Amino acid sequence: MWTSNCRGIHEKAESDATAALKGIKSKWGLPESAEILVRTGHPSRTILEVAEALDSDVIVLASHDPGLADYLLGSVAARVVRHAHCSVHVVRQARGER
C-alpha cells in the first residue's frame, strides 16, 4: 500500500515538472524540437549522466546564493561544473528572486 501511494506521488511530481517545463518552453519561444526530459536520481550525477548520454555541448543550470551547507558539502552546480565533460553555463538568480 505504501509503495503504490509513493508511486502515485512520484508520477504526479513528474507530471507537474513536465508541465512546468512546457510552460517555460512556450514562454521563451523555444523551438518544437527542444526536448523536455524529466529524470529522477542524485541531481548532479543524473545531470552528468544525461549530458554524457546525449553528447551535450553545454549544460545550463540555475543557481542560488550559496549557503553554509553549500560551502561545506558543495552545491549541485559546483559538482556539475567540476565533473562535466562539456561547457557549463551557470545562471545566477537575481537577489530576492525565487
C-alpha atoms as a PDB file:
ATOM      1  CA  MET A   1       0.000   0.000   0.000  1.00  0.00           C
ATOM      2  CA  TRP A   2       2.733   2.471   0.930  1.00  0.00           C
ATOM      3  CA  THR A   3       4.673   1.681  -2.267  1.00  0.00           C
ATOM      4  CA  SER A   4       1.693   2.273  -4.540  1.00  0.00           C
ATOM      5  CA  ASN A   5       0.939   5.562  -2.764  1.00  0.00           C
ATOM      6  CA  CYS A   6       4.545   6.712  -3.260  1.00  0.00           C
ATOM      7  CA  ARG A   7       4.390   5.712  -6.919  1.00  0.00           C
ATOM      8  CA  GLY A   8       1.361   7.991  -7.364  1.00  0.00           C
ATOM      9  CA  ILE A   9       3.165  10.876  -5.689  1.00  0.00           C
ATOM     10  CA  HIS A  10       6.229  10.286  -7.869  1.00  0.00           C
ATOM     11  CA  GLU A  11       4.154  10.206 -11.063  1.00  0.00           C
ATOM     12  CA  LYS A  12       2.351  13.418 -10.025  1.00  0.00           C
ATOM     13  CA  ALA A  13       5.699  15.147  -9.377  1.00  0.00           C
ATOM     14  CA  GLU A  14       6.995  14.085 -12.809  1.00  0.00           C
ATOM     15  CA  SER A  15       3.778  15.269 -14.459  1.00  0.00           C
ATOM     16  CA  ASP A  16       3.940  18.634 -12.661  1.00  0.00           C
ATOM     17  CA  ALA A  17       7.616  19.083 -13.597  1.00  0.00           C
ATOM     18  CA  THR A  18       6.902  18.298 -17.252  1.00  0.00           C
ATOM     19  CA  ALA A  19       4.007  20.771 -17.304  1.00  0.00           C
ATOM     20  CA  ALA A  20       6.167  23.497 -15.729  1.00  0.00           C
ATOM     21  CA  LEU A  21       8.936  22.912 -18.284  1.00  0.00           C
ATOM     22  CA  LYS A  22       6.428  23.016 -21.158  1.00  0.00           C
ATOM     23  CA  GLY A  23       5.274  26.391 -19.818  1.00  0.00           C
ATOM     24  CA  ILE A  24       8.860  27.676 -19.753  1.00  0.00           C
ATOM     25  CA  LYS A  25       9.449  26.342 -23.272  1.00  0.00           C
ATOM     26  CA  SER A  26       6.357  28.179 -24.504  1.00  0.00           C
ATOM     27  CA  LYS A  27       7.107  31.387 -22.575  1.00  0.00           C
ATOM     28  CA  TRP A  28      10.597  31.666 -24.055  1.00  0.00           C
ATOM     29  CA  GLY A  29       9.532  30.626 -27.555  1.00  0.00           C
ATOM     30  CA  LEU A  30      11.828  27.618 -27.730  1.00  0.00           C
ATOM     31  CA  PRO A  31      11.537  25.563 -30.903  1.00  0.00           C
ATOM     32  CA  GLU A  32       9.317  22.499 -31.017  1.00  0.00           C
ATOM     33  CA  SER A  33      12.480  20.416 -31.384  1.00  0.00           C
ATOM     34  CA  ALA A  34      13.597  21.448 -27.861  1.00  0.00           C
ATOM     35  CA  GLU A  35      13.141  18.240 -25.898  1.00  0.00           C
ATOM     36  CA  ILE A  36      11.876  18.103 -22.311  1.00  0.00           C
ATOM     37  CA  LEU A  37      13.471  15.425 -20.148  1.00  0.00           C
ATOM     38  CA  VAL A  38      12.444  14.731 -16.566  1.00  0.00           C
ATOM     39  CA  ARG A  39      14.659  12.343 -14.628  1.00  0.00           C
ATOM     40  CA  THR A  40      14.935  11.256 -11.016  1.00  0.00           C
ATOM     41  CA  GLY A  41      18.055  10.427  -9.066  1.00  0.00           C
ATOM     42  CA  HIS A  42      21.004  12.117  -7.435  1.00  0.00           C
ATOM     43  CA  PRO A  43      20.875  15.607  -9.027  1.00  0.00           C
ATOM     44  CA  SER A  44      24.463  16.214 -10.123  1.00  0.00           C
ATOM     45  CA  ARG A  45      25.111  12.584 -11.060  1.00  0.00           C
ATOM     46  CA  THR A  46      21.900  12.399 -13.104  1.00  0.00           C
ATOM     47  CA  ILE A  47      22.607  15.694 -14.908  1.00  0.00           C
ATOM     48  CA  LEU A  48      26.112  14.483 -15.801  1.00  0.00           C
ATOM     49  CA  GLU A  49      24.874  11.063 -16.962  1.00  0.00           C
ATOM     50  CA  VAL A  50      22.187  12.567 -19.209  1.00  0.00           C
ATOM     51  CA  ALA A  51      24.612  15.147 -20.656  1.00  0.00           C
ATOM     52  CA  GLU A  52      27.086  12.359 -21.431  1.00  0.00           C
ATOM     53  CA  ALA A  53      24.402  10.119 -22.988  1.00  0.00           C
ATOM     54  CA  LEU A  54      23.188  12.977 -25.203  1.00  0.00           C
ATOM     55  CA  ASP A  55      26.766  14.033 -26.096  1.00  0.00           C
ATOM     56  CA  SER A  56      25.805  17.555 -24.982  1.00  0.00           C
ATOM     57  CA  ASP A  57      27.849  20.605 -25.968  1.00  0.00           C
ATOM     58  CA  VAL A  58      26.710  22.662 -22.985  1.00  0.00           C
ATOM     59  CA  ILE A  59      24.818  22.277 -19.702  1.00  0.00           C
ATOM     60  CA  VAL A  60      22.822  25.277 -18.473  1.00  0.00           C
ATOM     61  CA  LEU A  61      21.983  25.369 -14.753  1.00  0.00           C
ATOM     62  CA  ALA A  62      20.244  27.823 -12.475  1.00  0.00           C
ATOM     63  CA  SER A  63      21.958  28.522  -9.168  1.00  0.00           C
ATOM     64  CA  HIS A  64      21.111  30.313  -5.953  1.00  0.00           C
ATOM     65  CA  ASP A  65      23.244  32.235  -3.460  1.00  0.00           C
ATOM     66  CA  PRO A  66      25.244  29.567  -1.649  1.00  0.00           C
ATOM     67  CA  GLY A  67      24.525  28.864   1.992  1.00  0.00           C
ATOM     68  CA  LEU A  68      26.864  27.443   4.598  1.00  0.00           C
ATOM     69  CA  ALA A  69      25.947  23.849   3.685  1.00  0.00           C
ATOM     70  CA  ASP A  70      26.934  24.545   0.067  1.00  0.00           C
ATOM     71  CA  TYR A  71      30.397  25.668   1.167  1.00  0.00           C
ATOM     72  CA  LEU A  72      30.856  22.555   3.289  1.00  0.00           C
ATOM     73  CA  LEU A  73      29.259  19.954   1.005  1.00  0.00           C
ATOM     74  CA  GLY A  74      29.259  21.614  -2.408  1.00  0.00           C
ATOM     75  CA  SER A  75      26.242  22.569  -4.474  1.00  0.00           C
ATOM     76  CA  VAL A  76      24.787  20.651  -7.411  1.00  0.00           C
ATOM     77  CA  ALA A  77      26.045  23.372  -9.786  1.00  0.00           C
ATOM     78  CA  ALA A  78      29.565  23.182  -8.328  1.00  0.00           C
ATOM     79  CA  ARG A  79      29.661  19.401  -8.733  1.00  0.00           C
ATOM     80  CA  VAL A  80      28.424  19.617 -12.322  1.00  0.00           C
ATOM     81  CA  VAL A  81      30.989  22.322 -13.167  1.00  0.00           C
ATOM     82  CA  ARG A  82      33.814  20.225 -11.683  1.00  0.00           C
ATOM     83  CA  HIS A  83      32.896  16.952 -13.386  1.00  0.00           C
ATOM     84  CA  ALA A  84      31.241  17.831 -16.722  1.00  0.00           C
ATOM     85  CA  HIS A  85      32.952  16.848 -19.962  1.00  0.00           C
ATOM     86  CA  CYS A  86      31.409  19.830 -21.761  1.00  0.00           C
ATOM     87  CA  SER A  87      30.911  23.545 -21.103  1.00  0.00           C
ATOM     88  CA  VAL A  88      28.652  24.525 -18.206  1.00  0.00           C
ATOM     89  CA  HIS A  89      26.793  27.846 -18.003  1.00  0.00           C
ATOM     90  CA  VAL A  90      25.543  28.710 -14.516  1.00  0.00           C
ATOM     91  CA  VAL A  91      22.769  31.318 -14.394  1.00  0.00           C
ATOM     92  CA  ARG A  92      22.561  33.030 -11.015  1.00  0.00           C
ATOM     93  CA  GLN A  93      19.140  34.119  -9.751  1.00  0.00           C
ATOM     94  CA  ALA A  94      18.738  37.831  -9.116  1.00  0.00           C
ATOM     95  CA  ARG A  95      18.713  38.788  -5.444  1.00  0.00           C
ATOM     96  CA  GLY A  96      15.267  38.278  -3.915  1.00  0.00           C
ATOM     97  CA  GLU A  97      14.049  36.270  -6.934  1.00  0.00           C
ATOM     98  CA  ARG A  98      12.746  32.762  -6.229  1.00  0.00           C
END
